[in-house]
Amino acid sequence: MAIFDIIIILVFVIVAVFGYRYGVFKMISDVITLFISSILSKLISNVLFNLLYQYLPFFNFFGKTKGLKSINIIVWQLIIYVIILLIIIMIINKILKKTKLKQKISDSMVEANLISKILGVVVSILLSFVITFNGLLLLLIPCFNLTGIMDSRFATIIMEKMPILSSQNNALYKSETYTIERINKKDNTDAKFKNVNNDIVKYMVKADLISNNKVEVLNKKDKLVGKRKTVADEIIEETDLTKPTNDKN
């Protein structure tokens, strides 16, 4: 069993404990809130990314992703998604508070009987799926290079079989997994990293994560390819630093 399978099981167990403690109404409220927030966040984040993509700063990352600035397409889509997700959750919680539904849910937690607690455990499974889906989507950011997630059977099932969320995020998820596989191949060297970057961009276009037109715009702005120092570059820099300077007085 992969390490991430164990982590996912632990998440389900912990959420089930909360489900037993707080009862079914609290779990139903949390499931609906997070599920709806996730759906809306993806829709809104797609619109915002399409409006902002050419103005966003594209960073040169580190390790195996150094120079592969194309992964900023994935990173920024996730950053926008998370920000919108948190905002929507806050809005829903305020609505629940103003309509006094939040107080009723709190009261149900205090009065939860055994049946409510058992049903809470059952509903907690749904909540665990949504929580884990969002968590895995974030952890699969290529600059983290967490290859262990792709060895997890549970992770694959959750990411590919989750109703609505899997289809909504399919292009993003597939681009993440492809990029992680691609950066770990032997040809991801200082001399050939630009070829790797081009392959990643082509896959993103094929997966419909980004259009060819947007790629052309980003290329014109020189955003998609970064720099990666080769061994020869480092030797030249060290040589320049050790050269004596001629002071002209």
Protein backbone atom coordinates (compact mmCIF):
# COMPACT_ATOMS: atom_id res chain seq x y z
CA MET A 1 0.00 0.00 0.00
CA ALA A 2 1.37 3.40 -1.04
CA ILE A 3 2.02 6.04 1.61
CA PHE A 4 -0.67 8.29 0.14
CA ASP A 5 -3.21 5.46 0.42
CA ILE A 6 -2.52 5.41 4.16
CA ILE A 7 -2.84 9.22 4.37
CA ILE A 8 -6.17 9.12 2.52
CA ILE A 9 -7.49 6.41 4.85
CA LEU A 10 -6.46 8.56 7.83
CA VAL A 11 -8.36 11.53 6.40
CA PHE A 12 -11.50 9.39 6.06
CA VAL A 13 -11.11 8.10 9.63
CA ILE A 14 -10.61 11.59 11.10
CA VAL A 15 -13.61 13.01 9.23
CA ALA A 16 -15.69 10.00 10.33
CA VAL A 17 -14.81 10.78 13.96
CA PHE A 18 -16.10 14.32 13.46
CA GLY A 19 -19.19 12.88 11.78
CA TYR A 20 -19.90 10.72 14.82
CA ARG A 21 -19.23 13.61 17.19
CA TYR A 22 -21.30 16.30 15.47
CA GLY A 23 -24.08 14.28 13.83
CA VAL A 24 -25.68 14.02 10.43
CA PHE A 25 -26.99 17.60 9.98
CA LYS A 26 -23.55 19.14 10.48
CA MET A 27 -22.03 16.68 7.97
CA ILE A 28 -24.75 17.34 5.39
CA SER A 29 -24.23 21.09 5.78
CA ASP A 30 -20.45 20.74 5.31
CA VAL A 31 -20.78 18.42 2.30
CA ILE A 32 -23.20 20.73 0.51
CA THR A 33 -21.12 23.82 1.32
CA LEU A 34 -17.81 22.37 0.15
CA PHE A 35 -19.23 20.57 -2.89
CA ILE A 36 -21.13 23.59 -4.21
CA SER A 37 -18.18 25.87 -3.42
CA SER A 38 -15.84 23.58 -5.36
CA ILE A 39 -18.10 23.55 -8.42
CA LEU A 40 -18.60 27.33 -8.44
CA SER A 41 -14.93 28.00 -7.74
CA LYS A 42 -13.84 26.02 -10.77
CA LEU A 43 -16.29 27.85 -13.05
CA ILE A 44 -15.30 31.28 -11.75
CA SER A 45 -11.56 30.55 -11.66
CA ASN A 46 -11.65 29.49 -15.33
CA VAL A 47 -13.22 32.82 -16.28
CA LEU A 48 -10.75 34.82 -14.16
CA PHE A 49 -7.72 32.95 -15.49
CA ASN A 50 -8.81 33.56 -19.08
CA LEU A 51 -9.08 37.28 -18.29
CA LEU A 52 -5.85 37.60 -16.31
CA TYR A 53 -3.44 34.97 -17.71
CA GLN A 54 -1.28 37.36 -19.76
CA TYR A 55 -0.85 39.80 -16.85
CA LEU A 56 0.11 37.25 -14.18
CA PRO A 57 3.80 36.92 -13.22
CA PHE A 58 5.31 33.63 -14.41
CA PHE A 59 7.92 32.37 -11.96
CA ASN A 60 11.06 30.35 -12.60
CA PHE A 61 10.78 27.49 -10.13
CA PHE A 62 13.40 25.14 -8.70
CA GLY A 63 14.67 21.58 -8.93
CA LYS A 64 13.38 19.54 -11.86
CA THR A 65 10.90 22.26 -12.81
CA LYS A 66 13.53 24.99 -13.10
CA GLY A 67 13.19 26.76 -16.43
CA LEU A 68 9.80 25.14 -17.10
CA LYS A 69 7.77 28.31 -16.67
CA SER A 70 4.85 26.70 -18.49
CA ILE A 71 3.81 25.07 -15.19
CA ASN A 72 2.73 28.55 -14.06
CA ILE A 73 -0.42 27.85 -16.09
CA ILE A 74 -1.24 25.06 -13.63
CA VAL A 75 -0.06 26.98 -10.57
CA TRP A 76 -2.09 30.11 -11.28
CA GLN A 77 -5.25 28.17 -12.09
CA LEU A 78 -4.93 26.46 -8.70
CA ILE A 79 -4.13 29.67 -6.81
CA ILE A 80 -7.19 31.41 -8.27
CA TYR A 81 -9.30 28.31 -7.58
CA VAL A 82 -8.31 28.20 -3.89
CA ILE A 83 -8.88 31.93 -3.36
CA ILE A 84 -12.36 31.75 -4.92
CA LEU A 85 -13.12 28.56 -2.97
CA LEU A 86 -12.34 30.23 0.36
CA ILE A 87 -14.36 33.34 -0.55
CA ILE A 88 -17.43 31.28 -1.54
CA ILE A 89 -17.24 29.20 1.65
CA MET A 90 -17.13 32.42 3.68
CA ILE A 91 -20.14 33.80 1.79
CA ILE A 92 -22.16 30.60 2.33
CA ASN A 93 -21.31 30.61 6.04
CA LYS A 94 -22.47 34.23 6.33
CA ILE A 95 -25.72 33.36 4.59
CA LEU A 96 -26.25 30.42 6.96
CA LYS A 97 -25.54 32.71 9.91
CA LYS A 98 -27.93 35.45 8.77
CA THR A 99 -30.71 33.00 8.03
CA LYS A 100 -30.11 31.40 11.46
CA LEU A 101 -29.57 28.02 9.81
CA LYS A 102 -26.10 27.90 11.32
CA GLN A 103 -27.58 28.15 14.82
CA LYS A 104 -30.01 25.33 14.05
CA ILE A 105 -27.12 23.17 12.84
CA SER A 106 -25.19 23.96 16.03
CA ASP A 107 -28.23 23.01 18.10
CA SER A 108 -28.52 19.72 16.21
CA MET A 109 -24.88 18.97 17.05
CA VAL A 110 -25.63 19.32 20.79
CA GLU A 111 -28.79 17.22 20.56
CA ALA A 112 -27.32 14.55 18.26
CA ASN A 113 -28.49 11.07 19.27
CA LEU A 114 -26.93 7.73 18.34
CA ILE A 115 -28.82 7.47 15.03
CA SER A 116 -27.72 11.00 14.07
CA LYS A 117 -24.13 10.13 14.97
CA ILE A 118 -24.15 6.93 12.90
CA LEU A 119 -25.67 8.75 9.91
CA GLY A 120 -23.06 11.45 10.45
CA VAL A 121 -20.36 8.82 9.94
CA VAL A 122 -22.04 7.67 6.72
CA VAL A 123 -22.34 11.20 5.33
CA SER A 124 -18.74 11.91 6.40
CA ILE A 125 -17.61 9.58 3.62
CA LEU A 126 -18.97 12.03 1.05
CA LEU A 127 -17.28 14.93 2.81
CA SER A 128 -13.99 13.01 2.90
CA PHE A 129 -14.17 12.48 -0.86
CA VAL A 130 -14.59 16.21 -1.54
CA ILE A 131 -11.88 17.21 0.96
CA THR A 132 -9.43 14.65 -0.41
CA PHE A 133 -10.18 15.61 -4.02
CA ASN A 134 -9.32 19.25 -3.36
CA GLY A 135 -6.27 18.33 -1.30
CA LEU A 136 -4.86 16.02 -3.99
CA LEU A 137 -5.51 18.60 -6.70
CA LEU A 138 -3.29 21.03 -4.78
CA LEU A 139 -0.60 18.50 -3.86
CA LEU A 140 -0.23 17.52 -7.52
CA ILE A 141 1.29 20.91 -8.36
CA PRO A 142 4.33 19.84 -10.44
CA CYS A 143 6.86 21.92 -8.50
CA PHE A 144 6.12 19.69 -5.46
CA ASN A 145 6.93 16.63 -7.63
CA LEU A 146 5.00 14.24 -5.38
CA THR A 147 5.22 11.16 -7.59
CA GLY A 148 3.86 9.01 -4.75
CA ILE A 149 0.34 10.33 -5.34
CA MET A 150 0.26 8.66 -8.75
CA ASP A 151 1.17 5.34 -7.11
CA SER A 152 -1.89 5.61 -4.86
CA ARG A 153 -4.91 3.57 -5.99
CA PHE A 154 -7.28 5.53 -3.78
CA ALA A 155 -5.98 8.85 -5.12
CA THR A 156 -6.53 7.75 -8.72
CA ILE A 157 -10.08 6.58 -7.98
CA ILE A 158 -10.97 9.82 -6.17
CA MET A 159 -9.48 12.07 -8.84
CA GLU A 160 -11.03 10.21 -11.79
CA LYS A 161 -14.40 9.06 -10.41
CA MET A 162 -15.62 12.02 -8.34
CA PRO A 163 -19.00 13.15 -9.73
CA ILE A 164 -18.91 16.57 -11.46
CA LEU A 165 -15.58 17.60 -9.90
CA SER A 166 -13.57 15.01 -11.88
CA SER A 167 -15.01 16.11 -15.22
CA GLN A 168 -14.66 19.80 -14.30
CA ASN A 169 -11.00 19.41 -13.35
CA ASN A 170 -10.02 16.68 -15.81
CA ALA A 171 -7.81 18.92 -17.97
CA LEU A 172 -6.03 20.30 -14.90
CA TYR A 173 -5.56 16.89 -13.26
CA LYS A 174 -4.30 15.23 -16.45
CA SER A 175 -1.90 18.13 -17.09
CA GLU A 176 -0.54 17.83 -13.55
CA THR A 177 0.10 14.09 -13.79
CA TYR A 178 1.59 14.35 -17.28
CA THR A 179 3.91 17.15 -16.18
CA ILE A 180 5.14 15.19 -13.14
CA GLU A 181 5.84 12.15 -15.33
CA ARG A 182 7.55 14.31 -17.96
CA ILE A 183 9.88 16.19 -15.61
CA ASN A 184 11.10 12.91 -14.12
CA LYS A 185 12.27 11.48 -17.44
CA LYS A 186 16.00 11.27 -18.15
CA ASP A 187 15.94 13.86 -20.92
CA ASN A 188 14.96 16.65 -18.50
CA THR A 189 18.52 17.96 -18.53
CA ASP A 190 20.04 21.43 -18.60
CA ALA A 191 20.66 21.02 -22.33
CA LYS A 192 17.17 19.72 -23.24
CA PHE A 193 14.78 21.26 -20.71
CA LYS A 194 13.27 23.52 -23.39
CA ASN A 195 12.09 20.41 -25.27
CA VAL A 196 10.47 19.19 -22.05
CA ASN A 197 8.79 22.57 -21.63
CA ASN A 198 7.45 22.44 -25.20
CA ASP A 199 6.05 18.93 -24.62
CA ILE A 200 4.24 20.15 -21.49
CA VAL A 201 2.73 23.11 -23.35
CA LYS A 202 1.59 20.85 -26.21
CA TYR A 203 -0.07 18.49 -23.74
CA MET A 204 -1.87 21.36 -21.98
CA VAL A 205 -3.26 22.48 -25.33
CA LYS A 206 -4.28 18.90 -26.21
CA ALA A 207 -5.98 18.51 -22.81
CA ASP A 208 -7.84 21.83 -23.32
CA LEU A 209 -6.25 23.40 -20.25
CA ILE A 210 -5.21 26.34 -22.42
CA SER A 211 -5.80 27.31 -26.05
CA ASN A 212 -3.22 27.74 -28.81
CA ASN A 213 -4.12 31.44 -29.04
CA LYS A 214 -3.28 31.99 -25.37
CA VAL A 215 -0.02 30.08 -25.77
CA GLU A 216 0.92 32.39 -28.65
CA VAL A 217 0.18 35.44 -26.50
CA LEU A 218 2.33 34.07 -23.65
CA ASN A 219 5.16 33.22 -26.08
CA LYS A 220 5.14 36.76 -27.44
CA LYS A 221 5.50 38.03 -23.88
CA ASP A 222 8.34 35.52 -23.33
CA LYS A 223 6.56 34.00 -20.32
CA LEU A 224 6.65 30.26 -21.00
CA VAL A 225 10.37 29.46 -20.97
CA GLY A 226 12.73 30.28 -18.14
CA LYS A 227 16.44 29.85 -17.68
CA ARG A 228 18.38 26.92 -16.34
CA LYS A 229 22.10 27.25 -15.76
CA THR A 230 24.21 24.53 -17.30
CA VAL A 231 27.43 23.23 -15.76
CA ALA A 232 29.35 25.16 -18.42
CA ASP A 233 27.57 28.40 -17.41
CA GLU A 234 28.52 27.86 -13.75
CA ILE A 235 32.18 27.21 -14.67
CA ILE A 236 32.26 30.42 -16.75
CA GLU A 237 30.74 32.41 -13.87
CA GLU A 238 33.25 30.98 -11.38
CA THR A 239 36.10 31.76 -13.77
CA ASP A 240 34.89 35.36 -14.15
CA LEU A 241 34.71 35.76 -10.37
CA THR A 242 38.28 34.49 -9.88
CA LYS A 243 39.74 36.74 -12.57
CA PRO A 244 41.73 39.65 -11.10
CA THR A 245 40.25 43.06 -11.81
CA ASN A 246 42.47 45.68 -13.40
CA ASP A 247 42.05 48.96 -11.53
CA LYS A 248 42.87 51.96 -13.61
CA ASN A 249 44.07 54.78 -11.37
